[in-house]
Protein backbone atom coordinates (compact mmCIF):
# COMPACT_ATOMS: atom_id res chain seq x y z
CA UNK A 1 0.08 0.03 -0.24
CA UNK A 2 2.57 2.47 0.97
CA UNK A 3 4.51 1.85 -2.66
CA UNK A 4 1.20 2.50 -4.49
CA UNK A 5 0.77 5.90 -3.41
CA UNK A 6 4.72 6.62 -3.46
CA UNK A 7 5.05 7.21 -7.23
CA UNK A 8 1.93 9.30 -6.95
CA UNK A 9 3.19 11.65 -4.04
CA UNK A 10 6.69 11.90 -6.04
CA UNK A 11 4.73 13.02 -9.30
CA UNK A 12 2.39 15.12 -7.43
CA UNK A 13 5.35 16.73 -5.78
CA UNK A 14 6.99 18.13 -8.38
CA UNK A 15 4.51 19.74 -9.71
CA UNK A 16 4.23 22.14 -6.41
CA UNK A 17 5.55 25.47 -6.09
CA UNK A 18 8.81 25.53 -4.26
CA UNK A 19 10.09 27.32 -1.30
CA UNK A 20 11.73 30.58 -2.08
CA UNK A 21 11.66 30.03 -5.50
CA UNK A 22 14.82 31.48 -6.79
CA UNK A 23 15.83 33.00 -3.81
CA UNK A 24 13.17 35.51 -4.16
CA UNK A 25 12.34 37.07 -0.83
CA UNK A 26 8.26 37.32 -0.23
CA UNK A 27 5.85 37.48 2.78
CA UNK A 28 4.39 33.87 3.77
CA UNK A 29 1.09 34.19 2.56
CA UNK A 30 -0.63 32.63 0.24
CA UNK A 31 1.71 30.81 -2.04
CA UNK A 32 4.29 29.81 0.40
CA UNK A 33 3.84 25.85 1.27
CA UNK A 34 2.70 24.17 4.84
CA UNK A 35 5.17 22.91 7.22
CA UNK A 36 5.21 20.20 9.53
CA UNK A 37 8.21 19.57 11.72
CA UNK A 38 8.37 16.31 13.68
CA UNK A 39 11.03 16.09 16.46
CA UNK A 40 11.38 12.78 18.62
CA UNK A 41 13.55 12.67 21.70
CA UNK A 42 16.73 9.98 21.67
CA UNK A 43 16.97 8.79 18.05
CA UNK A 44 20.45 8.05 16.85
CA UNK A 45 20.94 9.46 13.31
CA UNK A 46 22.98 6.95 12.39
CA UNK A 47 20.15 4.72 12.05
CA UNK A 48 18.97 6.80 9.00
CA UNK A 49 21.39 5.61 6.71
CA UNK A 50 23.58 2.84 5.76
CA UNK A 51 24.88 0.47 7.44
CA UNK A 52 23.04 1.55 10.60
CA UNK A 53 19.98 1.66 8.64
CA UNK A 54 20.28 -2.65 8.19
CA UNK A 55 19.40 -2.93 12.04
CA UNK A 56 15.70 -1.87 11.93
CA UNK A 57 12.74 -1.61 9.67
CA UNK A 58 11.83 2.38 9.58
CA UNK A 59 9.95 2.45 6.59
CA UNK A 60 8.87 6.16 6.92
CA UNK A 61 12.22 7.47 7.36
CA UNK A 62 12.92 5.59 4.39
CA UNK A 63 10.41 7.04 2.56
CA UNK A 64 11.24 10.60 3.11
CA UNK A 65 14.84 9.55 2.22
CA UNK A 66 13.59 8.33 -1.07
CA UNK A 67 11.63 11.65 -1.47
CA UNK A 68 13.38 14.22 -0.05
CA UNK A 69 17.29 15.12 1.23
CA UNK A 70 18.60 13.33 4.18
CA UNK A 71 21.46 14.79 6.30
CA UNK A 72 24.46 12.16 6.81
CA UNK A 73 26.20 14.52 9.31
CA UNK A 74 23.78 16.48 11.63
CA UNK A 75 23.83 16.90 15.34
CA UNK A 76 22.79 18.37 18.23
CA UNK A 77 24.08 21.32 20.13
CA UNK A 78 23.61 20.25 23.05
CA UNK A 79 23.22 16.49 23.98
CA UNK A 80 20.18 16.63 26.66
CA UNK A 81 16.48 17.56 26.09
CA UNK A 82 15.94 21.21 27.06
CA UNK A 83 19.36 23.07 26.10
CA UNK A 84 19.21 20.83 22.73
CA UNK A 85 15.63 22.41 22.23
CA UNK A 86 16.12 25.83 22.97
CA UNK A 87 18.79 25.77 20.06
CA UNK A 88 16.24 24.38 18.02
CA UNK A 89 13.69 26.73 18.79
CA UNK A 90 15.96 29.99 18.86
CA UNK A 91 18.76 28.99 16.32
CA UNK A 92 21.57 30.14 18.74
CA UNK A 93 24.16 28.61 20.29
CA UNK A 94 23.97 27.18 23.85
CA UNK A 95 26.08 29.87 25.55
CA UNK A 96 24.29 32.68 23.84
CA UNK A 97 20.86 31.72 25.65
CA UNK A 98 22.71 30.17 28.77
CA UNK A 99 20.16 27.24 28.60
CA UNK A 100 22.74 25.16 30.60
CA UNK A 101 20.90 22.30 31.63
CA UNK A 102 17.25 20.57 31.97
CA UNK A 103 16.07 23.29 34.02
CA UNK A 104 17.45 26.55 32.35
CA UNK A 105 15.99 26.79 29.16
CA UNK A 106 14.72 29.54 26.98
CA UNK A 107 12.49 32.26 28.91
CA UNK A 108 8.57 31.56 28.59
CA UNK A 109 7.78 34.75 26.12
CA UNK A 110 11.00 34.15 23.87
CA UNK A 111 10.31 34.67 19.98
CA UNK A 112 10.70 31.32 18.32
CA UNK A 113 10.71 30.96 14.98
CA UNK A 114 6.93 29.64 14.93
CA UNK A 115 6.26 33.25 16.76
CA UNK A 116 8.00 34.81 13.74
CA UNK A 117 6.26 32.57 10.98
CA UNK A 118 2.86 33.02 12.93
CA UNK A 119 3.54 37.39 12.48
CA UNK A 120 3.71 36.58 8.73
CA UNK A 121 0.72 34.89 8.16
CA UNK A 122 1.10 31.35 8.99
CA UNK A 123 -1.30 29.59 11.02
CA UNK A 124 0.64 27.52 13.92
CA UNK A 125 0.15 24.58 15.99
CA UNK A 126 2.03 22.37 18.33
CA UNK A 127 1.43 19.56 20.04
CA UNK A 128 3.47 16.85 22.27
CA UNK A 129 6.95 17.38 24.38
CA UNK A 130 8.16 21.15 23.66
CA UNK A 131 10.91 21.50 26.49
CA UNK A 132 12.94 24.26 25.62
CA UNK A 133 11.91 26.83 28.34
CA UNK A 134 13.42 27.00 32.02
CA UNK A 135 11.79 25.58 35.16
CA UNK A 136 10.91 21.88 33.92
CA UNK A 137 12.34 18.44 34.91
CA UNK A 138 13.14 16.70 38.57
CA UNK A 139 14.53 18.26 41.83
CA UNK A 140 17.17 15.69 41.65
CA UNK A 141 18.35 16.55 37.80
CA UNK A 142 18.75 20.19 38.39
CA UNK A 143 20.89 19.44 41.76
CA UNK A 144 23.24 16.85 40.19
CA UNK A 145 24.00 19.47 37.51
CA UNK A 146 24.82 22.17 39.90
CA UNK A 147 27.14 19.94 42.32
CA UNK A 148 29.00 18.17 39.13
CA UNK A 149 32.07 20.03 40.63
CA UNK A 150 31.72 18.75 44.06
CA UNK A 151 34.18 15.73 44.72
CA UNK A 152 32.41 12.88 44.97
CA UNK A 153 31.31 10.06 42.55
CA UNK A 154 27.59 8.72 43.01
CA UNK A 155 25.01 6.69 40.87
CA UNK A 156 22.35 8.90 39.81
CA UNK A 157 20.40 6.64 37.64
CA UNK A 158 19.03 3.16 37.97
CA UNK A 159 20.75 0.30 36.27
CA UNK A 160 19.57 0.22 32.53
CA UNK A 161 17.31 -2.23 31.87
CA UNK A 162 14.74 -3.75 29.35
CA UNK A 163 10.80 -4.51 29.86
CA UNK A 164 8.84 -6.70 27.63
CA UNK A 165 5.10 -6.06 27.27
CA UNK A 166 3.06 -9.54 28.34
CA UNK A 167 0.60 -8.61 25.25
CA UNK A 168 2.69 -9.58 22.10
CA UNK A 169 0.53 -7.69 19.25
CA UNK A 170 0.45 -4.53 21.56
CA UNK A 171 1.43 -1.52 19.35
CA UNK A 172 0.30 1.66 21.22
CA UNK A 173 3.27 1.14 23.54
CA UNK A 174 4.22 4.62 24.72
CA UNK A 175 0.47 5.72 24.84
CA UNK A 176 1.11 9.74 25.48
CA UNK A 177 3.11 9.97 22.05
CA UNK A 178 0.26 8.08 20.24
CA UNK A 179 -2.44 10.42 21.87
CA UNK A 180 -0.66 13.57 20.64
CA UNK A 181 -0.17 12.03 17.00
CA UNK A 182 -3.55 11.33 16.89
CA UNK A 183 -4.30 15.13 18.00
CA UNK A 184 -1.88 16.24 15.32
CA UNK A 185 -3.46 14.14 12.64
CA UNK A 186 -7.32 15.32 14.02
CA UNK A 187 -6.01 18.90 13.44
CA UNK A 188 -4.80 18.23 9.90
CA UNK A 189 -8.21 17.03 9.01
CA UNK A 190 -10.47 19.06 10.82
CA UNK A 191 -8.26 22.36 10.63
CA UNK A 192 -5.37 22.28 8.42
CA UNK A 193 -7.33 21.20 5.39
CA UNK A 194 -9.50 24.04 5.66
CA UNK A 195 -7.24 26.95 5.95
CA UNK A 196 -6.06 29.41 3.06
CA UNK A 197 -3.39 30.58 4.70
CA UNK A 198 -0.41 28.33 5.21
CA UNK A 199 0.20 26.15 8.56
CA UNK A 200 3.05 25.25 10.26
CA UNK A 201 2.57 21.94 12.70
CA UNK A 202 4.80 20.64 15.22
CA UNK A 203 4.75 17.57 17.16
CA UNK A 204 6.82 16.76 19.78
CA UNK A 205 7.38 12.92 20.68
CA UNK A 206 9.04 11.63 23.71
CA UNK A 207 10.21 7.96 22.22
CA UNK A 208 12.41 6.69 21.87
CA UNK A 209 13.71 7.90 24.90
CA UNK A 210 14.18 4.86 27.98
CA UNK A 211 11.06 4.96 30.43
CA UNK A 212 11.08 5.62 33.89
CA UNK A 213 12.48 3.29 36.48
CA UNK A 214 10.44 3.24 39.65
CA UNK A 215 12.14 -0.25 40.73
CA UNK A 216 15.32 2.23 41.48
CA UNK A 217 13.72 3.88 44.38
CA UNK A 218 12.89 7.29 45.23
CA UNK A 219 13.32 10.02 42.89
CA UNK A 220 13.77 7.19 40.08
CA UNK A 221 15.19 8.16 36.83
CA UNK A 222 14.59 6.83 33.06
CA UNK A 223 16.59 3.51 32.45
CA UNK A 224 13.95 1.39 31.36
CA UNK A 225 14.21 0.28 27.46
CA UNK A 226 10.28 -0.89 27.15
CA UNK A 227 8.47 -2.32 24.10
CA UNK A 228 6.42 -5.03 22.68
CA UNK A 229 6.97 -8.15 20.38
CA UNK A 230 5.21 -6.31 17.43
CA UNK A 231 7.81 -3.84 17.49
CA UNK A 232 10.84 -6.28 18.37
CA UNK A 233 9.69 -7.72 15.45
CA UNK A 234 11.01 -4.95 13.32
CA UNK A 235 14.57 -5.58 14.63
CA UNK A 236 17.66 -7.54 12.89
CA UNK A 237 19.10 -9.36 16.01
CA UNK A 238 21.71 -10.61 13.79
CA UNK A 239 22.89 -6.69 12.38
CA UNK A 240 23.15 -5.42 16.12
CA UNK A 241 26.62 -4.83 16.95
CA UNK A 242 28.07 -5.27 20.63
CA UNK A 243 30.19 -2.35 21.43
CA UNK A 244 33.71 -2.29 22.16
CA UNK A 245 34.73 -0.91 25.68
CA UNK A 246 37.88 0.40 27.12
CA UNK A 247 38.69 -1.32 30.40
CA UNK A 248 37.46 1.11 32.93
CA UNK A 249 41.07 1.58 34.06
CA UNK A 250 41.93 3.25 30.41
CA UNK A 251 38.60 5.23 30.11
CA UNK A 252 38.85 8.94 30.04
CA UNK A 253 38.09 10.48 33.54
CA UNK A 254 35.25 12.43 32.10
CA UNK A 255 33.59 9.19 30.52
CA UNK A 256 34.69 7.21 33.84
CA UNK A 257 32.08 9.55 35.91
CA UNK A 258 29.60 9.73 33.46
CA UNK A 259 29.88 5.57 33.11
CA UNK A 260 29.84 5.78 36.89
CA UNK A 261 26.95 8.26 37.80
CA UNK A 262 24.79 5.92 34.89
CA UNK A 263 25.18 2.60 36.87
CA UNK A 264 26.86 1.31 34.26
CA UNK A 265 30.42 0.61 35.73
CA UNK A 266 29.12 -2.82 36.73
CA UNK A 267 29.08 -6.65 34.69
CA UNK A 268 27.00 -6.51 32.06
CA UNK A 269 26.40 -9.84 30.06
CA UNK A 270 26.50 -9.67 26.14
CA UNK A 271 22.73 -10.72 26.10
CA UNK A 272 22.31 -7.69 28.32
CA UNK A 273 23.84 -5.61 26.15
CA UNK A 274 22.47 -7.11 22.96
CA UNK A 275 18.85 -6.63 24.47
CA UNK A 276 19.12 -2.94 25.42
CA UNK A 277 19.90 -2.13 22.01
CA UNK A 278 17.34 -4.54 20.49
CA UNK A 279 14.76 -2.90 22.60
CA UNK A 280 15.87 0.65 21.95
CA UNK A 281 15.83 -0.18 18.31
CA UNK A 282 12.31 -1.08 18.70
CA UNK A 283 11.20 1.97 20.28
CA UNK A 284 12.82 3.58 17.33
CA UNK A 285 10.41 1.62 14.92
CA UNK A 286 7.41 3.00 17.04
CA UNK A 287 8.87 6.28 16.65
CA UNK A 288 8.84 6.10 12.65
CA UNK A 289 5.52 4.63 12.74
CA UNK A 290 4.28 7.85 14.24
CA UNK A 291 5.91 9.92 11.90
CA UNK A 292 4.07 7.79 9.30
CA UNK A 293 0.55 8.45 10.79
CA UNK A 294 1.33 11.88 10.05
CA UNK A 295 2.80 11.40 6.57
CA UNK A 296 -0.05 9.26 5.51
CA UNK A 297 -2.76 12.08 6.88
CA UNK A 298 -0.76 14.61 4.63
CA UNK A 299 -1.36 12.36 1.61
CA UNK A 300 -4.76 11.08 2.10
CA UNK A 301 -5.79 14.92 2.46
CA UNK A 302 -3.79 15.96 -0.42
CA UNK A 303 -1.35 18.30 1.46
CA UNK A 304 1.65 16.38 1.15
CA UNK A 305 2.41 17.56 -2.27
CA UNK A 306 2.43 21.49 -0.80
CA UNK A 307 3.58 20.62 2.78
CA UNK A 308 7.13 20.59 3.35
CA UNK A 309 8.13 17.83 6.02
CA UNK A 310 11.21 17.66 8.05
CA UNK A 311 12.20 15.06 10.86
CA UNK A 312 14.50 15.45 13.44
CA UNK A 313 15.64 14.68 17.08
CA UNK A 314 16.91 16.20 19.98
CA UNK A 315 19.73 13.79 20.59
CA UNK A 316 20.89 10.55 20.34
CA UNK A 317 20.80 7.37 22.39
CA UNK A 318 24.41 5.68 23.62
CA UNK A 319 22.41 2.40 23.97
CA UNK A 320 25.34 0.67 26.08
CA UNK A 321 27.83 2.01 23.51
CA UNK A 322 31.11 3.68 25.54
CA UNK A 323 30.17 1.62 28.89
CA UNK A 324 26.87 4.36 28.96
CA UNK A 325 23.25 4.32 27.99
CA UNK A 326 21.26 8.16 27.71
CA UNK A 327 23.04 10.86 26.01
CA UNK A 328 25.36 13.63 27.85
CA UNK A 329 27.84 12.90 25.43
CA UNK A 330 29.92 14.01 22.22
CA UNK A 331 30.28 10.38 21.08
CA UNK A 332 28.07 9.43 17.98
CA UNK A 333 25.54 7.88 19.46
CA UNK A 334 24.55 10.36 21.73
CA UNK A 335 25.24 13.87 19.62
CA UNK A 336 24.26 12.42 16.07
CA UNK A 337 20.84 13.16 15.50
CA UNK A 338 18.43 12.47 12.15
CA UNK A 339 17.40 15.14 9.79
CA UNK A 340 15.44 14.61 6.90
CA UNK A 341 13.22 17.12 4.77
CA UNK A 342 10.89 16.62 1.79
CA UNK A 343 8.14 18.33 -0.18
CA UNK A 344 7.91 20.81 -3.23
CA UNK A 345 11.27 21.88 -4.07
CA UNK A 346 13.22 19.93 -2.06
CA UNK A 347 15.81 17.13 -3.76
CA UNK A 348 14.57 13.73 -3.85
CA UNK A 349 16.94 10.71 -3.07
CA UNK A 350 19.80 13.24 -2.14
CA UNK A 351 22.35 12.82 0.78
CA UNK A 352 24.28 15.62 1.98
CA UNK A 353 27.39 14.90 3.73
CA UNK A 354 28.01 18.48 5.11
CA UNK A 355 28.03 18.67 8.63
CA UNK A 356 24.93 20.50 10.04
CA UNK A 357 23.11 21.00 13.13
CA UNK A 358 20.02 21.70 14.80
CA UNK A 359 20.34 25.51 15.18
CA UNK A 360 20.23 25.55 11.74
CA UNK A 361 16.46 24.63 11.65
CA UNK A 362 15.45 27.95 12.82
CA UNK A 363 16.50 29.97 9.70
CA UNK A 364 15.40 26.68 7.23
CA UNK A 365 11.84 27.39 8.65
CA UNK A 366 12.00 31.20 7.62
CA UNK A 367 13.63 30.29 4.47
CA UNK A 368 11.04 28.21 3.60
CA UNK A 369 8.22 30.69 3.99
CA UNK A 370 10.39 33.57 2.31
CA UNK A 371 10.96 35.39 5.51
CA UNK A 372 14.22 37.54 5.63
CA UNK A 373 16.56 36.15 8.17
CA UNK A 374 17.78 37.70 11.37
CA UNK A 375 21.79 38.53 11.22
CA UNK A 376 22.26 37.31 14.69
CA UNK A 377 21.49 33.48 14.27
CA UNK A 378 24.08 31.13 14.80
CA UNK A 379 22.51 28.80 12.28
CA UNK A 380 22.02 28.64 8.76
CA UNK A 381 19.31 27.85 6.30
CA UNK A 382 19.45 24.15 4.65
CA UNK A 383 17.75 25.49 1.66
CA UNK A 384 20.95 26.13 -0.36
CA UNK A 385 21.98 22.09 0.45
CA UNK A 386 18.74 20.55 -0.12
CA UNK A 387 16.50 22.83 -2.46
CA UNK A 388 15.86 22.40 -6.51
CA UNK A 389 15.11 26.16 -6.76
CA UNK A 390 18.46 27.87 -5.93
CA UNK A 391 20.43 29.03 -8.61
CA UNK A 392 24.12 28.40 -8.83
CA UNK A 393 25.36 31.69 -8.24
CA UNK A 394 23.27 31.78 -4.84
CA UNK A 395 24.74 28.42 -3.32
CA UNK A 396 27.82 30.66 -2.50
CA UNK A 397 25.96 32.84 -0.91
CA UNK A 398 25.74 32.70 3.23
CA UNK A 399 26.71 29.18 2.65
CA UNK A 400 27.14 26.38 5.94
CA UNK A 401 30.17 26.69 7.32
CA UNK A 402 32.66 23.07 7.61
CA UNK A 403 31.95 23.08 11.05
CA UNK A 404 29.23 22.37 13.95
CA UNK A 405 29.47 23.44 17.58
CA UNK A 406 28.14 21.33 20.16
CA UNK A 407 28.22 22.05 24.13
CA UNK A 408 26.98 20.29 27.10
CA UNK A 409 26.79 21.72 30.83
CA UNK A 410 24.45 19.44 32.55
CA UNK A 411 24.48 16.66 35.05
CA UNK A 412 26.31 13.20 34.81
CA UNK A 413 29.39 15.10 33.27
CA UNK A 414 31.62 16.89 35.77
CA UNK A 415 32.83 19.26 33.09
CA UNK A 416 31.72 21.57 30.50
CA UNK A 417 32.40 19.63 27.03
CA UNK A 418 33.03 21.43 24.04
CA UNK A 419 32.76 19.43 20.86
CA UNK A 420 33.75 20.97 17.29
CA UNK A 421 32.74 18.62 14.33
CA UNK A 422 34.55 19.04 10.82
CA UNK A 423 33.93 16.83 7.76
CA UNK A 424 37.22 14.47 9.04
CA UNK A 425 37.69 15.32 13.03
CA UNK A 426 35.77 15.69 15.95
CA UNK A 427 37.66 17.67 18.82
CA UNK A 428 36.16 17.96 22.51
CA UNK A 429 37.90 20.26 24.98
CA UNK A 430 36.95 20.09 28.39
CA UNK A 431 36.43 23.19 31.35
CA UNK A 432 39.22 25.53 30.98
CA UNK A 433 40.98 23.67 28.14
CA UNK A 434 43.72 22.87 30.52
CA UNK A 435 42.66 20.91 33.35
CA UNK A 436 41.37 18.02 31.58
CA UNK A 437 42.94 16.30 28.54
CA UNK A 438 41.33 16.86 25.11
CA UNK A 439 39.94 14.21 23.06
CA UNK A 440 40.69 13.80 19.28
CA UNK A 441 38.97 11.20 17.14
CA UNK A 442 39.31 10.77 13.25
CA UNK A 443 35.95 9.78 12.40
CA UNK A 444 36.63 8.60 8.71
CA UNK A 445 39.00 5.67 10.27
CA UNK A 446 37.89 5.38 14.04
CA UNK A 447 34.34 5.76 13.30
CA UNK A 448 33.44 4.01 16.74
CA UNK A 449 35.63 6.52 18.31
CA UNK A 450 37.43 4.21 20.18
CA UNK A 451 41.10 5.52 19.96
CA UNK A 452 42.11 9.60 20.99
CA UNK A 453 44.41 10.66 18.68
CA UNK A 454 45.19 13.84 20.54
CA UNK A 455 48.59 13.50 21.69
CA UNK A 456 49.68 11.67 18.63
CA UNK A 457 48.40 14.62 16.58
CA UNK A 458 49.40 17.78 18.38
CA UNK A 459 49.34 20.36 15.27
CA UNK A 460 45.83 18.95 14.57
CA UNK A 461 44.86 19.73 18.14
CA UNK A 462 46.08 23.10 18.55
CA UNK A 463 44.70 24.01 15.08
CA UNK A 464 40.91 22.57 15.87
CA UNK A 465 41.22 24.08 19.65
CA UNK A 466 42.45 27.55 18.02
CA UNK A 467 39.04 27.29 16.03
CA UNK A 468 37.13 26.40 18.95
CA UNK A 469 38.30 29.16 20.86
CA UNK A 470 37.58 31.54 17.82
CA UNK A 471 34.09 30.47 17.85
CA UNK A 472 33.45 30.09 21.67
CA UNK A 473 35.49 31.81 24.40
CA UNK A 474 35.30 28.33 26.10
CA UNK A 475 37.13 28.96 29.40
CA UNK A 476 34.90 31.77 29.93
CA UNK A 477 31.91 30.24 29.52
CA UNK A 478 32.89 27.57 31.84
CA UNK A 479 33.66 29.78 34.58
CA UNK A 480 30.32 31.36 33.75
CA UNK A 481 28.60 28.04 34.34
CA UNK A 482 30.66 27.20 37.48
CA UNK A 483 29.29 30.04 38.95
CA UNK A 484 25.64 29.59 38.03
CA UNK A 485 25.75 26.13 39.56
CA UNK A 486 27.02 27.66 42.83
CA UNK A 487 24.76 30.11 42.81
CA UNK A 488 21.62 28.00 42.16
CA UNK A 489 22.51 25.54 44.56
CA UNK A 490 23.00 28.25 47.33
CA UNK A 491 19.50 29.49 46.44
CA UNK A 492 17.70 26.08 46.41
CA UNK A 493 19.28 24.94 49.66
CA UNK A 494 18.17 28.17 51.45
CA UNK A 495 14.45 27.42 49.98
CA UNK A 496 14.07 24.02 52.08
CA UNK A 497 15.92 25.16 55.10
CA UNK A 498 15.92 22.73 57.80
CA UNK A 499 15.06 19.86 55.34
CA UNK A 500 18.03 20.43 53.52
CA UNK A 501 19.96 17.07 54.91
CA UNK A 502 16.73 14.94 54.32
CA UNK A 503 16.10 16.14 50.97
CA UNK A 504 19.23 15.88 49.25
CA UNK A 505 19.66 12.58 51.10
CA UNK A 506 16.59 11.18 49.15
CA UNK A 507 17.38 12.39 45.66
CA UNK A 508 18.16 9.84 42.82
CA UNK A 509 21.59 9.06 44.30
CA UNK A 510 19.96 8.11 47.70
CA UNK A 511 21.08 4.33 47.43
CA UNK A 512 24.82 5.53 47.66
CA UNK A 513 24.16 8.76 49.88
CA UNK A 514 22.59 7.09 52.43
CA UNK A 515 25.84 4.78 53.21
CA UNK A 516 27.70 7.97 54.13
CA UNK A 517 25.72 11.10 54.21
CA UNK A 518 28.00 13.30 56.54
CA UNK A 519 30.73 12.43 54.00
CA UNK A 520 28.82 13.82 51.19
CA UNK A 521 27.41 17.04 52.88
CA UNK A 522 31.07 17.78 53.60
CA UNK A 523 31.91 17.58 50.18
CA UNK A 524 29.30 19.71 49.10
CA UNK A 525 30.60 22.62 52.21
CA UNK A 526 34.31 22.64 50.96
CA UNK A 527 32.81 23.07 47.19
CA UNK A 528 30.56 26.07 48.16
CA UNK A 529 33.58 27.53 50.37
CA UNK A 530 36.21 27.00 47.40
CA UNK A 531 36.59 30.16 45.51
CA UNK A 532 37.44 29.73 41.55
CA UNK A 533 40.65 31.97 40.18
CA UNK A 534 39.18 34.00 37.69
CA UNK A 535 42.64 33.99 35.80
CA UNK A 536 42.30 30.28 35.89
CA UNK A 537 39.81 30.85 32.93
CA UNK A 538 41.15 33.63 30.77
CA UNK A 539 41.08 33.06 27.26
CA UNK A 540 44.70 31.68 26.19
């Protein structure tokens, strides 16, 4: 059935008006295309192209690949939910909006690309997970982020595990996501189809984010990979790769901290690892089906030929690569995201190898609508790389630079982290650039990022570090985050008064904390009394 309408859609799409045709700027209404943006959580972008695409059936992502443009090297600007989404909705790098962690994002009144499109005549609607404004997520999550510089090591997550639903034929496992998908589809059928103006629709999904793990005790995190046999049948078990791990004693110190706080330093059997990865891939298959519901609705309503569809994710999922699950890392599984675009005027069956990132969505959305782009954006429109209608001379104007920036300042990582990704290299710097050794990977020869060659190639390391510093004064940013963490922790501590000792002992780290509560409180006291030397963080 899917194949039957593929050719019909492809033919009709070619006849539709293209976004920004000829590069002419114009108002959005009345001839601009509709736009539908579907953003999932925790989706490893490498699953959208070979060889990762061999491990799980993703028919609707494959449909978008065949009839649109897929970006093979798309990255998050911060591998955690709120800061990543803040970058996507603002078009600005994390340090510019100071979206430091899952508690600190954009102001609720911040002007997003959707607000701008509405101002220019678009009808707008959003459903599901947004998570780009400040004030959300658990107390535990924010306290862990604030205290990451404290000299202690505590497990903050439940051990990663799997959970199979007894009902073998269960399709709608993540019911909240399916409900939001239904709401988006119903909106298209009842409202979107009737608009004379173009519309922009956003659907945010929580899948394939791991599920909560209440078995891990009070203030539990989300370490359960949960699915049904229906979705597991979409996974090719034989194609599942068991990741190689460095011995604990040889891990980079930041990686060891992350692995420990994520409760991953214990023993795992090969079967456990393979099951975690299989269940994660099955959750990705369910995500793809929700994307498919939106695409099918657009087709049934004859809207697909005049609608640009974009699919992306806020970050990836390590799924036991580098002895970790979750995200919060610059390794490919965590930082590499899917990014696919299809619709009128978008090149079909095109794979773009240029490095791009989620801040590029803001200017791309405005460019689709023909709205002039603000000058202060960190991102670049993706239309010159994906649209059929851009003239040759325009391809060299405002083209995306050959690098992307990602950074992380949240929990489970005990130093601010900065990634500069170029065509060949991935350079990762930490903190002040001196106290923690950097990492350098040649992804062309070491795609699994198992060999840090920073000391082997000092000239390359130095050159990339200088480039990184020209983009962001990262020692200064690290100092700002360090100060922010202390100030926020002090305010929080004062707000709970006499209950402080009890509350802090029973956060997600309670299993370790309660063994030696005085020791850990004392470590925090020492951290609060210590004063950072401002000169330590001056740009070199």
